[in-house]
Amino acid sequence: MMGFGYFGIFGAIFMILFWVAIIAGVVWLIKWLLESSSGTSKISKNRALEILDEKYARGEIDDEEYERRKRKLLES
């Protein structure tokens, strides 16, 4: 049986496909975790911009301060 055991070549192919699926699943999980954690920072950045807009609209900060803070938020 050429050293592949009871299932022959099909067993070897199945084993390779099995490990490829396991590795792809781990890669997908890591990618998903990284994207979900970066999504949180995107939401917090949007909320920070909303708060900045509100402060500007209420007159708590002037034009120069608004532009400076907005640039700083968009850079990070």
C-alpha atoms as a PDB file:
ATOM      1  CA  MET A   1       0.000   0.000   0.000  1.00  0.00           C
ATOM      2  CA  MET A   2       2.973   2.305  -0.461  1.00  0.00           C
ATOM      3  CA  GLY A   3       3.242   3.283   3.222  1.00  0.00           C
ATOM      4  CA  PHE A   4       0.051   5.364   3.459  1.00  0.00           C
ATOM      5  CA  GLY A   5      -1.822   2.930   5.715  1.00  0.00           C
ATOM      6  CA  TYR A   6      -5.373   1.709   5.343  1.00  0.00           C
ATOM      7  CA  PHE A   7      -6.787   4.748   3.514  1.00  0.00           C
ATOM      8  CA  GLY A   8      -3.955   4.967   1.006  1.00  0.00           C
ATOM      9  CA  ILE A   9      -3.310   8.214  -0.850  1.00  0.00           C
ATOM     10  CA  PHE A  10      -6.769   9.556   0.051  1.00  0.00           C
ATOM     11  CA  GLY A  11      -5.871   9.499   3.730  1.00  0.00           C
ATOM     12  CA  ALA A  12      -2.739  11.531   3.059  1.00  0.00           C
ATOM     13  CA  ILE A  13      -4.682  14.079   0.978  1.00  0.00           C
ATOM     14  CA  PHE A  14      -7.355  14.327   3.684  1.00  0.00           C
ATOM     15  CA  MET A  15      -4.693  14.920   6.351  1.00  0.00           C
ATOM     16  CA  ILE A  16      -3.110  17.722   4.297  1.00  0.00           C
ATOM     17  CA  LEU A  17      -6.515  19.359   3.696  1.00  0.00           C
ATOM     18  CA  PHE A  18      -7.333  19.032   7.393  1.00  0.00           C
ATOM     19  CA  TRP A  19      -4.178  20.885   8.471  1.00  0.00           C
ATOM     20  CA  VAL A  20      -4.637  23.537   5.782  1.00  0.00           C
ATOM     21  CA  ALA A  21      -8.155  24.164   7.135  1.00  0.00           C
ATOM     22  CA  ILE A  22      -6.852  24.388  10.725  1.00  0.00           C
ATOM     23  CA  ILE A  23      -4.124  26.884   9.741  1.00  0.00           C
ATOM     24  CA  ALA A  24      -6.565  28.958   7.653  1.00  0.00           C
ATOM     25  CA  GLY A  25      -8.963  29.048  10.600  1.00  0.00           C
ATOM     26  CA  VAL A  26      -6.269  30.280  12.964  1.00  0.00           C
ATOM     27  CA  VAL A  27      -5.186  32.967  10.482  1.00  0.00           C
ATOM     28  CA  TRP A  28      -8.811  34.074  10.034  1.00  0.00           C
ATOM     29  CA  LEU A  29      -9.319  34.218  13.821  1.00  0.00           C
ATOM     30  CA  ILE A  30      -6.211  36.364  14.328  1.00  0.00           C
ATOM     31  CA  LYS A  31      -7.249  38.688  11.492  1.00  0.00           C
ATOM     32  CA  TRP A  32     -10.763  39.017  12.930  1.00  0.00           C
ATOM     33  CA  LEU A  33      -9.427  39.791  16.405  1.00  0.00           C
ATOM     34  CA  LEU A  34      -7.093  42.471  15.061  1.00  0.00           C
ATOM     35  CA  GLU A  35      -9.840  44.079  12.982  1.00  0.00           C
ATOM     36  CA  SER A  36     -12.316  44.097  15.849  1.00  0.00           C
ATOM     37  CA  SER A  37      -9.824  45.763  18.181  1.00  0.00           C
ATOM     38  CA  SER A  38      -8.975  48.441  15.612  1.00  0.00           C
ATOM     39  CA  GLY A  39     -12.693  49.033  15.005  1.00  0.00           C
ATOM     40  CA  THR A  40     -13.043  50.105  18.618  1.00  0.00           C
ATOM     41  CA  SER A  41     -10.416  52.805  18.195  1.00  0.00           C
ATOM     42  CA  LYS A  42     -12.166  54.013  15.032  1.00  0.00           C
ATOM     43  CA  ILE A  43     -15.417  54.399  16.968  1.00  0.00           C
ATOM     44  CA  SER A  44     -13.674  56.263  19.787  1.00  0.00           C
ATOM     45  CA  LYS A  45     -11.974  58.563  17.269  1.00  0.00           C
ATOM     46  CA  ASN A  46     -15.340  59.352  15.681  1.00  0.00           C
ATOM     47  CA  ARG A  47     -16.809  60.048  19.116  1.00  0.00           C
ATOM     48  CA  ALA A  48     -13.882  62.354  19.947  1.00  0.00           C
ATOM     49  CA  LEU A  49     -14.515  64.296  16.739  1.00  0.00           C
ATOM     50  CA  GLU A  50     -18.211  64.576  17.638  1.00  0.00           C
ATOM     51  CA  ILE A  51     -17.343  65.965  21.067  1.00  0.00           C
ATOM     52  CA  LEU A  52     -14.918  68.420  19.478  1.00  0.00           C
ATOM     53  CA  ASP A  53     -17.624  69.564  17.058  1.00  0.00           C
ATOM     54  CA  GLU A  54     -20.033  70.024  19.961  1.00  0.00           C
ATOM     55  CA  LYS A  55     -17.529  72.126  21.933  1.00  0.00           C
ATOM     56  CA  TYR A  56     -16.902  74.273  18.873  1.00  0.00           C
ATOM     57  CA  ALA A  57     -20.627  74.695  18.257  1.00  0.00           C
ATOM     58  CA  ARG A  58     -21.192  75.762  21.880  1.00  0.00           C
ATOM     59  CA  GLY A  59     -18.387  78.296  21.591  1.00  0.00           C
ATOM     60  CA  GLU A  60     -16.165  76.657  24.190  1.00  0.00           C
ATOM     61  CA  ILE A  61     -13.171  76.701  21.830  1.00  0.00           C
ATOM     62  CA  ASP A  62     -12.178  79.115  19.077  1.00  0.00           C
ATOM     63  CA  ASP A  63     -11.403  78.410  15.397  1.00  0.00           C
ATOM     64  CA  GLU A  64      -7.672  77.990  15.910  1.00  0.00           C
ATOM     65  CA  GLU A  65      -8.072  75.580  18.839  1.00  0.00           C
ATOM     66  CA  TYR A  66     -10.708  73.591  16.917  1.00  0.00           C
ATOM     67  CA  GLU A  67      -8.473  73.189  13.871  1.00  0.00           C
ATOM     68  CA  ARG A  68      -5.434  72.274  15.996  1.00  0.00           C
ATOM     69  CA  ARG A  69      -7.322  69.592  17.930  1.00  0.00           C
ATOM     70  CA  LYS A  70      -8.996  68.221  14.818  1.00  0.00           C
ATOM     71  CA  ARG A  71      -5.637  67.865  13.021  1.00  0.00           C
ATOM     72  CA  LYS A  72      -4.195  66.077  16.040  1.00  0.00           C
ATOM     73  CA  LEU A  73      -7.129  63.651  16.188  1.00  0.00           C
ATOM     74  CA  LEU A  74      -6.969  62.877  12.476  1.00  0.00           C
ATOM     75  CA  GLU A  75      -3.199  62.256  12.594  1.00  0.00           C
ATOM     76  CA  SER A  76      -3.425  59.517  15.231  1.00  0.00           C
END
